[in-house]
Amino acid sequence: MNESIFTDYAVVAVGSTEQEKFPLILVFGRENNGKAQIIPGISIYDEAISSGSTFWNRTYGFVQRLTTWKGQFRQSCVNVGMSPIVFTNALSKPIPNAQQNKDALRVTIQENDIMSHINGIFDLKLISRVGAVIFSTGNSSVYELSRYEVIKNCLARSIPFIEMPYFATQGRKNEELDQAINDENAAIIKNIINEFKTYTQKVVPADAGKRHG
């Protein structure tokens, strides 16, 4: 009997983000930590599963510190059911968090799989709204092909590429992250968040105003 093959989409977005019109920040982490086969497409953020993600929370915290957003930015996005931040990963194969020596598995991923994975992400219709890409994997050579493919796709679409230290590194201080972005790239992020804020103020009902910053 054949085993069932579970699949998951490569990009994760909050609520109705895919159907909205505001600009986006596409954030690349390392790899999915589940067991599902990754395929092109967009899945919906699950608060029950992802609210404890260090990578996600520190990404939102970093963006919040760059902006004038009042309150908890991630929770505000969950409350209004949309977010300017969408997440994906540099590698095409999932590796559970419990796995020891992850690099030993990362180097076994076929180059063609990585290239197909990255190109599949940039072929999504959603990419037309991406105003910046943040690449946050750390400097291990196992991500070099992914990095190259992401930069190539960004250049082809005139999307700013912003490389950051790995957000989820244990013990990393916020100051280190905040100092890793230059003024030009910080301004790009701020503009995207400001456009999102303006958008939510127009589309979220007035009586729900308390739900967003």
N, C-alpha and C. Protein backbone atom coordinates (compact mmCIF):
# COMPACT_ATOMS: atom_id res chain seq x y z
N MET A 1 0.85 -1.19 0.00
CA MET A 1 0.00 0.00 0.00
C MET A 1 0.89 1.24 0.00
N ASN A 2 0.56 2.21 -0.85
CA ASN A 2 1.35 3.43 -0.94
C ASN A 2 1.08 4.34 0.25
N GLU A 3 2.14 4.95 0.76
CA GLU A 3 1.96 5.92 1.83
C GLU A 3 1.39 7.21 1.25
N SER A 4 0.56 7.86 2.02
CA SER A 4 0.02 9.15 1.59
C SER A 4 1.15 10.18 1.60
N ILE A 5 1.16 11.04 0.58
CA ILE A 5 2.16 12.10 0.51
C ILE A 5 1.50 13.41 0.91
N PHE A 6 1.94 13.97 2.01
CA PHE A 6 1.39 15.23 2.47
C PHE A 6 2.16 16.38 1.82
N THR A 7 1.42 17.39 1.41
CA THR A 7 2.05 18.54 0.77
C THR A 7 1.71 19.82 1.53
N ASP A 8 2.55 20.81 1.37
CA ASP A 8 2.32 22.12 1.96
C ASP A 8 2.82 23.16 0.97
N TYR A 9 2.17 24.31 0.96
CA TYR A 9 2.57 25.35 0.02
C TYR A 9 3.80 26.10 0.51
N ALA A 10 4.56 26.63 -0.45
CA ALA A 10 5.86 27.23 -0.16
C ALA A 10 5.78 28.56 0.58
N VAL A 11 4.71 29.31 0.35
CA VAL A 11 4.57 30.65 0.93
C VAL A 11 3.42 30.66 1.93
N VAL A 12 3.62 31.32 3.07
CA VAL A 12 2.57 31.42 4.09
C VAL A 12 2.17 32.88 4.25
N ALA A 13 0.86 33.13 4.19
CA ALA A 13 0.32 34.49 4.31
C ALA A 13 -0.79 34.50 5.35
N VAL A 14 -1.01 35.65 5.95
CA VAL A 14 -2.08 35.81 6.94
C VAL A 14 -3.41 36.09 6.24
N GLY A 15 -4.44 35.33 6.62
CA GLY A 15 -5.82 35.62 6.22
C GLY A 15 -6.03 35.90 4.75
N SER A 16 -6.58 37.08 4.46
CA SER A 16 -6.95 37.45 3.10
C SER A 16 -5.83 38.17 2.34
N THR A 17 -4.62 38.11 2.85
CA THR A 17 -3.50 38.84 2.25
C THR A 17 -3.39 38.63 0.75
N GLU A 18 -3.55 37.39 0.31
CA GLU A 18 -3.40 37.09 -1.12
C GLU A 18 -4.40 37.85 -1.98
N GLN A 19 -5.58 38.12 -1.45
CA GLN A 19 -6.63 38.79 -2.22
C GLN A 19 -6.58 40.31 -2.12
N GLU A 20 -5.72 40.85 -1.27
CA GLU A 20 -5.68 42.29 -1.06
C GLU A 20 -4.75 42.97 -2.06
N LYS A 21 -4.49 44.28 -1.86
CA LYS A 21 -3.74 45.04 -2.86
C LYS A 21 -2.53 45.80 -2.32
N PHE A 22 -2.25 45.70 -1.04
CA PHE A 22 -1.11 46.43 -0.47
C PHE A 22 0.22 45.72 -0.81
N PRO A 23 1.34 46.45 -0.75
CA PRO A 23 2.64 45.86 -1.06
C PRO A 23 3.10 44.91 0.04
N LEU A 24 4.04 44.04 -0.31
CA LEU A 24 4.45 42.97 0.58
C LEU A 24 5.96 42.93 0.80
N ILE A 25 6.34 42.33 1.92
CA ILE A 25 7.73 41.98 2.20
C ILE A 25 7.79 40.45 2.21
N LEU A 26 8.58 39.88 1.32
CA LEU A 26 8.74 38.43 1.26
C LEU A 26 9.98 38.05 2.07
N VAL A 27 9.79 37.25 3.11
CA VAL A 27 10.88 36.90 4.03
C VAL A 27 11.27 35.44 3.84
N PHE A 28 12.54 35.21 3.53
CA PHE A 28 13.08 33.86 3.38
C PHE A 28 13.77 33.43 4.67
N GLY A 29 13.31 32.31 5.23
CA GLY A 29 14.02 31.66 6.31
C GLY A 29 14.79 30.47 5.76
N ARG A 30 15.07 29.49 6.59
CA ARG A 30 15.92 28.37 6.19
C ARG A 30 15.15 27.26 5.49
N GLU A 31 14.30 26.55 6.23
CA GLU A 31 13.49 25.48 5.64
C GLU A 31 12.26 25.26 6.51
N ASN A 32 11.28 24.59 5.94
CA ASN A 32 10.09 24.19 6.67
C ASN A 32 10.48 23.15 7.71
N ASN A 33 9.85 23.20 8.88
CA ASN A 33 10.20 22.26 9.95
C ASN A 33 9.19 21.13 10.11
N GLY A 34 8.26 21.01 9.17
CA GLY A 34 7.30 19.93 9.23
C GLY A 34 7.79 18.71 8.47
N LYS A 35 6.84 17.93 7.96
CA LYS A 35 7.19 16.72 7.21
C LYS A 35 6.62 16.73 5.80
N ALA A 36 5.83 17.74 5.48
CA ALA A 36 5.14 17.77 4.19
C ALA A 36 6.08 18.13 3.05
N GLN A 37 5.78 17.58 1.88
CA GLN A 37 6.49 17.95 0.66
C GLN A 37 6.08 19.37 0.28
N ILE A 38 7.04 20.22 -0.05
CA ILE A 38 6.77 21.62 -0.35
C ILE A 38 6.49 21.79 -1.84
N ILE A 39 5.37 22.45 -2.15
CA ILE A 39 5.00 22.69 -3.54
C ILE A 39 4.67 24.18 -3.70
N PRO A 40 4.73 24.71 -4.93
CA PRO A 40 4.42 26.13 -5.15
C PRO A 40 2.99 26.45 -4.75
N GLY A 41 2.80 27.61 -4.16
CA GLY A 41 1.47 28.04 -3.77
C GLY A 41 1.51 28.81 -2.47
N ILE A 42 0.33 29.20 -2.00
CA ILE A 42 0.21 30.03 -0.80
C ILE A 42 -0.73 29.38 0.20
N SER A 43 -0.25 29.18 1.41
CA SER A 43 -1.09 28.64 2.48
C SER A 43 -1.41 29.74 3.47
N ILE A 44 -2.43 29.50 4.28
CA ILE A 44 -2.90 30.51 5.24
C ILE A 44 -2.26 30.27 6.60
N TYR A 45 -1.74 31.34 7.17
CA TYR A 45 -1.14 31.32 8.50
C TYR A 45 -2.11 30.74 9.52
N ASP A 46 -1.62 29.81 10.33
CA ASP A 46 -2.41 29.20 11.39
C ASP A 46 -1.87 29.70 12.73
N GLU A 47 -2.63 30.56 13.38
CA GLU A 47 -2.20 31.17 14.64
C GLU A 47 -1.86 30.12 15.69
N ALA A 48 -2.64 29.03 15.72
CA ALA A 48 -2.42 28.01 16.74
C ALA A 48 -1.08 27.31 16.56
N ILE A 49 -0.63 27.19 15.30
CA ILE A 49 0.62 26.49 15.02
C ILE A 49 1.82 27.43 15.03
N SER A 50 1.66 28.60 14.45
CA SER A 50 2.81 29.46 14.18
C SER A 50 3.05 30.59 15.17
N SER A 51 2.14 30.80 16.10
CA SER A 51 2.29 31.95 17.01
C SER A 51 3.53 31.85 17.87
N GLY A 52 4.04 30.64 18.08
CA GLY A 52 5.22 30.47 18.91
C GLY A 52 6.53 30.44 18.14
N SER A 53 6.48 30.66 16.82
CA SER A 53 7.69 30.59 16.00
C SER A 53 8.64 31.74 16.33
N THR A 54 9.84 31.40 16.77
CA THR A 54 10.84 32.42 17.08
C THR A 54 11.17 33.24 15.84
N PHE A 55 11.34 32.57 14.70
CA PHE A 55 11.70 33.27 13.47
C PHE A 55 10.62 34.27 13.09
N TRP A 56 9.37 33.84 13.12
CA TRP A 56 8.27 34.73 12.75
C TRP A 56 8.17 35.90 13.73
N ASN A 57 8.20 35.60 15.01
CA ASN A 57 8.02 36.66 16.00
C ASN A 57 9.15 37.68 15.97
N ARG A 58 10.37 37.22 15.76
CA ARG A 58 11.49 38.15 15.71
C ARG A 58 11.50 38.95 14.40
N THR A 59 10.98 38.37 13.34
CA THR A 59 10.82 39.12 12.10
C THR A 59 9.83 40.25 12.30
N TYR A 60 8.69 39.93 12.87
CA TYR A 60 7.68 40.96 13.14
C TYR A 60 8.22 42.01 14.10
N GLY A 61 8.96 41.57 15.11
CA GLY A 61 9.53 42.52 16.07
C GLY A 61 10.52 43.46 15.41
N PHE A 62 11.34 42.91 14.53
CA PHE A 62 12.32 43.73 13.80
C PHE A 62 11.62 44.78 12.95
N VAL A 63 10.61 44.37 12.20
CA VAL A 63 9.87 45.31 11.35
C VAL A 63 9.16 46.36 12.22
N GLN A 64 8.59 45.93 13.33
CA GLN A 64 7.90 46.87 14.22
C GLN A 64 8.84 47.93 14.75
N ARG A 65 10.06 47.53 15.09
CA ARG A 65 11.02 48.50 15.63
C ARG A 65 11.46 49.53 14.59
N LEU A 66 11.37 49.16 13.32
CA LEU A 66 11.73 50.08 12.24
C LEU A 66 10.66 51.13 11.99
N THR A 67 9.45 50.86 12.45
CA THR A 67 8.30 51.68 12.09
C THR A 67 7.70 52.37 13.30
N THR A 68 6.64 53.11 13.05
CA THR A 68 5.93 53.80 14.14
C THR A 68 4.66 53.05 14.54
N TRP A 69 4.61 51.77 14.20
CA TRP A 69 3.40 50.99 14.52
C TRP A 69 3.19 50.94 16.03
N LYS A 70 1.96 51.20 16.45
CA LYS A 70 1.63 51.17 17.87
C LYS A 70 1.06 49.81 18.24
N GLY A 71 1.51 49.27 19.35
CA GLY A 71 1.04 47.97 19.77
C GLY A 71 1.85 46.85 19.15
N GLN A 72 1.40 45.62 19.34
CA GLN A 72 2.09 44.45 18.82
C GLN A 72 1.75 44.26 17.34
N PHE A 73 2.73 44.43 16.49
CA PHE A 73 2.50 44.41 15.05
C PHE A 73 1.96 43.07 14.57
N ARG A 74 2.57 41.97 15.00
CA ARG A 74 2.11 40.66 14.54
C ARG A 74 0.66 40.42 14.94
N GLN A 75 0.33 40.71 16.19
CA GLN A 75 -1.04 40.49 16.64
C GLN A 75 -2.01 41.40 15.92
N SER A 76 -1.60 42.62 15.62
CA SER A 76 -2.45 43.54 14.87
C SER A 76 -2.79 42.96 13.50
N CYS A 77 -1.78 42.36 12.85
CA CYS A 77 -2.00 41.75 11.54
C CYS A 77 -2.95 40.57 11.63
N VAL A 78 -2.77 39.74 12.65
CA VAL A 78 -3.67 38.60 12.85
C VAL A 78 -5.09 39.10 13.08
N ASN A 79 -5.23 40.16 13.87
CA ASN A 79 -6.55 40.68 14.19
C ASN A 79 -7.30 41.19 12.97
N VAL A 80 -6.59 41.88 12.06
CA VAL A 80 -7.26 42.41 10.87
C VAL A 80 -7.32 41.39 9.74
N GLY A 81 -6.66 40.25 9.93
CA GLY A 81 -6.74 39.17 8.95
C GLY A 81 -5.95 39.41 7.69
N MET A 82 -4.85 40.17 7.78
CA MET A 82 -3.98 40.40 6.63
C MET A 82 -2.65 40.92 7.14
N SER A 83 -1.60 40.77 6.34
CA SER A 83 -0.28 41.21 6.77
C SER A 83 0.59 41.54 5.57
N PRO A 84 1.47 42.55 5.70
CA PRO A 84 2.40 42.86 4.62
C PRO A 84 3.60 41.92 4.59
N ILE A 85 3.71 41.05 5.59
CA ILE A 85 4.82 40.10 5.64
C ILE A 85 4.33 38.72 5.24
N VAL A 86 4.98 38.14 4.23
CA VAL A 86 4.70 36.76 3.85
C VAL A 86 6.00 35.98 3.97
N PHE A 87 5.89 34.74 4.39
CA PHE A 87 7.07 33.94 4.70
C PHE A 87 7.26 32.79 3.73
N THR A 88 8.51 32.47 3.48
CA THR A 88 8.86 31.29 2.71
C THR A 88 10.23 30.82 3.17
N ASN A 89 10.80 29.83 2.48
CA ASN A 89 12.08 29.28 2.90
C ASN A 89 13.06 29.13 1.75
N ALA A 90 14.33 29.16 2.09
CA ALA A 90 15.39 29.08 1.08
C ALA A 90 15.54 27.68 0.51
N LEU A 91 15.26 26.67 1.32
CA LEU A 91 15.44 25.29 0.88
C LEU A 91 14.10 24.62 0.61
N SER A 92 14.15 23.63 -0.26
CA SER A 92 12.92 23.02 -0.78
C SER A 92 12.45 21.82 0.02
N LYS A 93 13.28 21.31 0.92
CA LYS A 93 12.93 20.11 1.67
C LYS A 93 12.75 20.44 3.16
N PRO A 94 11.72 19.87 3.79
CA PRO A 94 11.52 20.11 5.23
C PRO A 94 12.52 19.34 6.07
N ILE A 95 12.91 19.93 7.19
CA ILE A 95 13.77 19.25 8.16
C ILE A 95 13.20 19.53 9.55
N PRO A 96 12.75 18.50 10.27
CA PRO A 96 12.17 18.71 11.60
C PRO A 96 13.16 19.37 12.55
N ASN A 97 12.66 20.16 13.48
CA ASN A 97 13.52 20.84 14.44
C ASN A 97 14.33 19.87 15.29
N ALA A 98 13.77 18.68 15.50
CA ALA A 98 14.45 17.70 16.35
C ALA A 98 15.66 17.07 15.67
N GLN A 99 15.80 17.27 14.38
CA GLN A 99 16.89 16.66 13.62
C GLN A 99 18.25 17.22 14.07
N GLN A 100 19.16 16.32 14.37
CA GLN A 100 20.53 16.71 14.71
C GLN A 100 21.33 16.94 13.44
N ASN A 101 22.30 17.85 13.48
CA ASN A 101 23.18 18.13 12.34
C ASN A 101 22.37 18.36 11.05
N LYS A 102 21.57 19.40 11.06
CA LYS A 102 20.72 19.69 9.91
C LYS A 102 21.51 19.93 8.63
N ASP A 103 22.71 20.49 8.75
CA ASP A 103 23.51 20.75 7.55
C ASP A 103 23.81 19.48 6.77
N ALA A 104 23.92 18.36 7.48
CA ALA A 104 24.19 17.09 6.80
C ALA A 104 23.05 16.72 5.85
N LEU A 105 21.82 17.11 6.20
CA LEU A 105 20.68 16.87 5.32
C LEU A 105 20.55 17.97 4.28
N ARG A 106 20.85 19.19 4.67
CA ARG A 106 20.73 20.31 3.73
C ARG A 106 21.60 20.12 2.50
N VAL A 107 22.80 19.60 2.69
CA VAL A 107 23.71 19.44 1.55
C VAL A 107 23.28 18.33 0.61
N THR A 108 22.33 17.49 1.02
CA THR A 108 21.87 16.41 0.14
C THR A 108 20.75 16.86 -0.80
N ILE A 109 20.23 18.05 -0.60
CA ILE A 109 19.15 18.55 -1.46
C ILE A 109 19.71 18.84 -2.85
N GLN A 110 19.05 18.32 -3.87
CA GLN A 110 19.52 18.48 -5.24
C GLN A 110 19.43 19.93 -5.69
N GLU A 111 20.44 20.37 -6.45
CA GLU A 111 20.46 21.75 -6.93
C GLU A 111 19.22 22.06 -7.76
N ASN A 112 18.81 21.12 -8.59
CA ASN A 112 17.62 21.36 -9.43
C ASN A 112 16.37 21.57 -8.59
N ASP A 113 16.30 20.86 -7.45
CA ASP A 113 15.15 21.03 -6.56
C ASP A 113 15.14 22.43 -5.95
N ILE A 114 16.31 22.91 -5.56
CA ILE A 114 16.40 24.26 -4.99
C ILE A 114 16.03 25.31 -6.03
N MET A 115 16.57 25.17 -7.23
CA MET A 115 16.29 26.14 -8.29
C MET A 115 14.81 26.15 -8.65
N SER A 116 14.23 24.96 -8.75
CA SER A 116 12.80 24.86 -9.06
C SER A 116 11.95 25.46 -7.95
N HIS A 117 12.35 25.23 -6.72
CA HIS A 117 11.65 25.77 -5.55
C HIS A 117 11.64 27.29 -5.58
N ILE A 118 12.80 27.90 -5.76
CA ILE A 118 12.90 29.37 -5.77
C ILE A 118 12.15 29.96 -6.96
N ASN A 119 12.34 29.38 -8.13
CA ASN A 119 11.66 29.89 -9.32
C ASN A 119 10.15 29.75 -9.20
N GLY A 120 9.70 28.66 -8.56
CA GLY A 120 8.27 28.47 -8.36
C GLY A 120 7.67 29.53 -7.46
N ILE A 121 8.43 29.96 -6.46
CA ILE A 121 7.98 31.04 -5.58
C ILE A 121 7.83 32.33 -6.36
N PHE A 122 8.84 32.66 -7.16
CA PHE A 122 8.81 33.93 -7.89
C PHE A 122 7.85 33.91 -9.08
N ASP A 123 7.34 32.74 -9.43
CA ASP A 123 6.33 32.66 -10.48
C ASP A 123 4.92 32.92 -9.96
N LEU A 124 4.76 32.97 -8.64
CA LEU A 124 3.44 33.20 -8.06
C LEU A 124 2.95 34.61 -8.38
N LYS A 125 1.65 34.74 -8.62
CA LYS A 125 1.06 36.04 -8.93
C LYS A 125 1.32 37.05 -7.82
N LEU A 126 1.36 36.58 -6.60
CA LEU A 126 1.57 37.43 -5.42
C LEU A 126 2.87 38.24 -5.52
N ILE A 127 3.84 37.72 -6.23
CA ILE A 127 5.16 38.36 -6.31
C ILE A 127 5.08 39.74 -6.94
N SER A 128 4.07 39.98 -7.75
CA SER A 128 3.94 41.30 -8.38
C SER A 128 3.73 42.40 -7.33
N ARG A 129 3.35 42.03 -6.12
CA ARG A 129 3.13 43.01 -5.04
C ARG A 129 4.32 43.11 -4.09
N VAL A 130 5.33 42.31 -4.28
CA VAL A 130 6.46 42.31 -3.36
C VAL A 130 7.34 43.53 -3.59
N GLY A 131 7.48 44.34 -2.52
CA GLY A 131 8.29 45.54 -2.60
C GLY A 131 9.67 45.39 -2.01
N ALA A 132 9.91 44.25 -1.34
CA ALA A 132 11.23 43.97 -0.78
C ALA A 132 11.31 42.50 -0.41
N VAL A 133 12.50 41.93 -0.55
CA VAL A 133 12.77 40.57 -0.11
C VAL A 133 13.80 40.64 1.01
N ILE A 134 13.49 39.98 2.12
CA ILE A 134 14.46 39.83 3.21
C ILE A 134 14.94 38.38 3.22
N PHE A 135 16.25 38.20 3.14
CA PHE A 135 16.84 36.86 3.13
C PHE A 135 17.57 36.67 4.45
N SER A 136 17.07 35.76 5.28
CA SER A 136 17.58 35.60 6.64
C SER A 136 17.83 34.12 6.93
N THR A 137 19.03 33.66 6.56
CA THR A 137 19.37 32.25 6.76
C THR A 137 20.65 32.07 7.56
N GLY A 138 21.44 33.14 7.72
CA GLY A 138 22.80 32.98 8.21
C GLY A 138 23.71 32.73 7.03
N ASN A 139 25.02 32.70 7.28
CA ASN A 139 25.97 32.68 6.16
C ASN A 139 26.51 31.30 5.81
N SER A 140 25.84 30.23 6.21
CA SER A 140 26.29 28.89 5.86
C SER A 140 26.26 28.71 4.34
N SER A 141 27.26 28.01 3.82
CA SER A 141 27.35 27.80 2.37
C SER A 141 26.21 26.96 1.82
N VAL A 142 25.48 26.26 2.68
CA VAL A 142 24.38 25.42 2.19
C VAL A 142 23.25 26.25 1.59
N TYR A 143 23.22 27.54 1.88
CA TYR A 143 22.17 28.41 1.34
C TYR A 143 22.64 29.23 0.14
N GLU A 144 23.87 29.01 -0.30
CA GLU A 144 24.45 29.88 -1.32
C GLU A 144 23.69 29.81 -2.65
N LEU A 145 23.30 28.61 -3.07
CA LEU A 145 22.55 28.50 -4.33
C LEU A 145 21.19 29.18 -4.20
N SER A 146 20.52 28.97 -3.08
CA SER A 146 19.23 29.62 -2.85
C SER A 146 19.39 31.14 -2.90
N ARG A 147 20.43 31.62 -2.24
CA ARG A 147 20.70 33.07 -2.22
C ARG A 147 20.90 33.59 -3.64
N TYR A 148 21.70 32.88 -4.41
CA TYR A 148 21.97 33.28 -5.79
C TYR A 148 20.68 33.34 -6.60
N GLU A 149 19.85 32.31 -6.48
CA GLU A 149 18.60 32.25 -7.24
C GLU A 149 17.63 33.35 -6.81
N VAL A 150 17.59 33.64 -5.52
CA VAL A 150 16.71 34.71 -5.04
C VAL A 150 17.19 36.06 -5.58
N ILE A 151 18.48 36.31 -5.48
CA ILE A 151 19.02 37.58 -6.00
C ILE A 151 18.74 37.71 -7.49
N LYS A 152 18.95 36.64 -8.23
CA LYS A 152 18.71 36.66 -9.68
C LYS A 152 17.26 37.02 -9.98
N ASN A 153 16.33 36.42 -9.25
CA ASN A 153 14.92 36.71 -9.46
C ASN A 153 14.56 38.13 -9.03
N CYS A 154 15.18 38.60 -7.96
CA CYS A 154 14.94 39.98 -7.52
C CYS A 154 15.43 40.98 -8.55
N LEU A 155 16.62 40.76 -9.08
CA LEU A 155 17.17 41.66 -10.09
C LEU A 155 16.29 41.71 -11.33
N ALA A 156 15.76 40.55 -11.73
CA ALA A 156 14.92 40.48 -12.92
C ALA A 156 13.62 41.25 -12.75
N ARG A 157 13.20 41.45 -11.50
CA ARG A 157 11.93 42.13 -11.22
C ARG A 157 12.13 43.48 -10.51
N SER A 158 13.37 43.90 -10.39
CA SER A 158 13.70 45.17 -9.70
C SER A 158 13.15 45.21 -8.28
N ILE A 159 13.25 44.08 -7.58
CA ILE A 159 12.83 43.99 -6.18
C ILE A 159 14.05 44.16 -5.29
N PRO A 160 14.04 45.08 -4.35
CA PRO A 160 15.18 45.23 -3.43
C PRO A 160 15.43 43.95 -2.64
N PHE A 161 16.70 43.54 -2.58
CA PHE A 161 17.12 42.35 -1.84
C PHE A 161 17.83 42.82 -0.57
N ILE A 162 17.33 42.38 0.58
CA ILE A 162 17.89 42.79 1.87
C ILE A 162 18.35 41.54 2.61
N GLU A 163 19.64 41.44 2.85
CA GLU A 163 20.16 40.27 3.58
C GLU A 163 20.31 40.62 5.05
N MET A 164 19.79 39.75 5.90
CA MET A 164 19.83 39.96 7.34
C MET A 164 20.44 38.75 8.04
N PRO A 165 21.01 38.94 9.24
CA PRO A 165 21.40 37.79 10.05
C PRO A 165 20.17 36.91 10.31
N TYR A 166 20.40 35.67 10.66
CA TYR A 166 19.29 34.76 10.91
C TYR A 166 18.50 35.23 12.13
N PHE A 167 17.22 35.51 11.92
CA PHE A 167 16.40 36.08 12.99
C PHE A 167 16.29 35.18 14.22
N ALA A 168 16.31 33.87 14.01
CA ALA A 168 16.01 32.95 15.11
C ALA A 168 17.24 32.43 15.84
N THR A 169 18.42 32.98 15.57
CA THR A 169 19.61 32.54 16.29
C THR A 169 19.46 32.78 17.79
N GLN A 170 19.64 31.72 18.56
CA GLN A 170 19.47 31.81 20.01
C GLN A 170 20.48 32.79 20.60
N GLY A 171 20.01 33.70 21.43
CA GLY A 171 20.88 34.65 22.10
C GLY A 171 21.18 35.90 21.30
N ARG A 172 20.71 35.96 20.07
CA ARG A 172 20.98 37.16 19.25
C ARG A 172 20.18 38.33 19.79
N LYS A 173 20.83 39.45 19.98
CA LYS A 173 20.17 40.63 20.53
C LYS A 173 19.49 41.44 19.44
N ASN A 174 18.41 42.11 19.83
CA ASN A 174 17.68 42.95 18.88
C ASN A 174 18.58 44.02 18.27
N GLU A 175 19.51 44.54 19.07
CA GLU A 175 20.39 45.60 18.58
C GLU A 175 21.22 45.13 17.39
N GLU A 176 21.63 43.87 17.41
CA GLU A 176 22.42 43.33 16.30
C GLU A 176 21.60 43.30 15.02
N LEU A 177 20.34 42.93 15.13
CA LEU A 177 19.46 42.91 13.97
C LEU A 177 19.20 44.33 13.48
N ASP A 178 18.91 45.21 14.41
CA ASP A 178 18.56 46.59 14.04
C ASP A 178 19.72 47.30 13.34
N GLN A 179 20.93 46.96 13.72
CA GLN A 179 22.11 47.61 13.13
C GLN A 179 22.54 46.97 11.82
N ALA A 180 21.90 45.86 11.45
CA ALA A 180 22.31 45.13 10.25
C ALA A 180 21.65 45.66 8.98
N ILE A 181 20.73 46.60 9.10
CA ILE A 181 20.04 47.14 7.93
C ILE A 181 20.45 48.60 7.74
N ASN A 182 20.73 48.97 6.49
CA ASN A 182 21.13 50.36 6.24
C ASN A 182 19.91 51.26 6.11
N ASP A 183 20.15 52.55 6.07
CA ASP A 183 19.05 53.52 6.06
C ASP A 183 18.17 53.38 4.82
N GLU A 184 18.80 53.11 3.68
CA GLU A 184 18.03 52.99 2.43
C GLU A 184 17.04 51.83 2.50
N ASN A 185 17.52 50.67 2.96
CA ASN A 185 16.64 49.51 3.06
C ASN A 185 15.61 49.68 4.17
N ALA A 186 16.00 50.32 5.26
CA ALA A 186 15.04 50.59 6.33
C ALA A 186 13.90 51.46 5.82
N ALA A 187 14.22 52.44 4.98
CA ALA A 187 13.19 53.32 4.42
C ALA A 187 12.24 52.55 3.53
N ILE A 188 12.76 51.57 2.79
CA ILE A 188 11.90 50.74 1.93
C ILE A 188 10.88 49.98 2.78
N ILE A 189 11.37 49.37 3.87
CA ILE A 189 10.48 48.63 4.77
C ILE A 189 9.44 49.57 5.39
N LYS A 190 9.88 50.73 5.85
CA LYS A 190 8.95 51.69 6.46
C LYS A 190 7.85 52.09 5.49
N ASN A 191 8.20 52.33 4.25
CA ASN A 191 7.20 52.74 3.25
C ASN A 191 6.16 51.66 3.02
N ILE A 192 6.62 50.40 2.98
CA ILE A 192 5.68 49.29 2.80
C ILE A 192 4.72 49.20 3.98
N ILE A 193 5.24 49.32 5.18
CA ILE A 193 4.39 49.24 6.37
C ILE A 193 3.43 50.42 6.43
N ASN A 194 3.89 51.60 6.06
CA ASN A 194 3.00 52.77 6.04
C ASN A 194 1.86 52.59 5.04
N GLU A 195 2.17 52.01 3.88
CA GLU A 195 1.12 51.75 2.89
C GLU A 195 0.12 50.73 3.42
N PHE A 196 0.63 49.72 4.12
CA PHE A 196 -0.26 48.73 4.72
C PHE A 196 -1.16 49.37 5.77
N LYS A 197 -0.58 50.22 6.59
CA LYS A 197 -1.36 50.88 7.63
C LYS A 197 -2.47 51.72 7.02
N THR A 198 -2.15 52.47 5.98
CA THR A 198 -3.16 53.28 5.29
C THR A 198 -4.24 52.40 4.69
N TYR A 199 -3.82 51.28 4.11
CA TYR A 199 -4.77 50.35 3.48
C TYR A 199 -5.73 49.78 4.51
N THR A 200 -5.21 49.33 5.65
CA THR A 200 -6.09 48.73 6.66
C THR A 200 -7.06 49.76 7.23
N GLN A 201 -6.64 51.00 7.33
CA GLN A 201 -7.53 52.04 7.85
C GLN A 201 -8.68 52.30 6.89
N LYS A 202 -8.48 52.00 5.62
CA LYS A 202 -9.54 52.19 4.63
C LYS A 202 -10.49 51.01 4.55
N VAL A 203 -9.95 49.79 4.71
CA VAL A 203 -10.78 48.61 4.47
C VAL A 203 -11.33 47.96 5.73
N VAL A 204 -10.71 48.22 6.89
CA VAL A 204 -11.21 47.64 8.14
C VAL A 204 -12.33 48.53 8.66
N PRO A 205 -13.49 47.94 9.01
CA PRO A 205 -14.62 48.74 9.52
C PRO A 205 -14.21 49.64 10.68
N ALA A 206 -14.83 50.82 10.75
CA ALA A 206 -14.47 51.80 11.78
C ALA A 206 -14.59 51.23 13.18
N ASP A 207 -15.61 50.40 13.42
CA ASP A 207 -15.80 49.86 14.76
C ASP A 207 -14.78 48.79 15.11
N ALA A 208 -13.93 48.44 14.12
CA ALA A 208 -12.87 47.47 14.40
C ALA A 208 -11.52 48.16 14.51
N GLY A 209 -11.56 49.49 14.55
CA GLY A 209 -10.32 50.26 14.58
C GLY A 209 -9.41 49.91 15.72
N LYS A 210 -9.99 49.48 16.83
CA LYS A 210 -9.17 49.13 17.99
C LYS A 210 -8.30 47.92 17.73
N ARG A 211 -8.58 47.22 16.61
CA ARG A 211 -7.85 46.00 16.35
C ARG A 211 -6.52 46.23 15.63
N HIS A 212 -6.31 47.43 15.12
CA HIS A 212 -5.05 47.64 14.42
C HIS A 212 -4.37 48.90 14.88
N GLY A 213 -3.03 48.96 14.58
CA GLY A 213 -2.22 50.05 15.06
C GLY A 213 -2.34 51.29 14.22
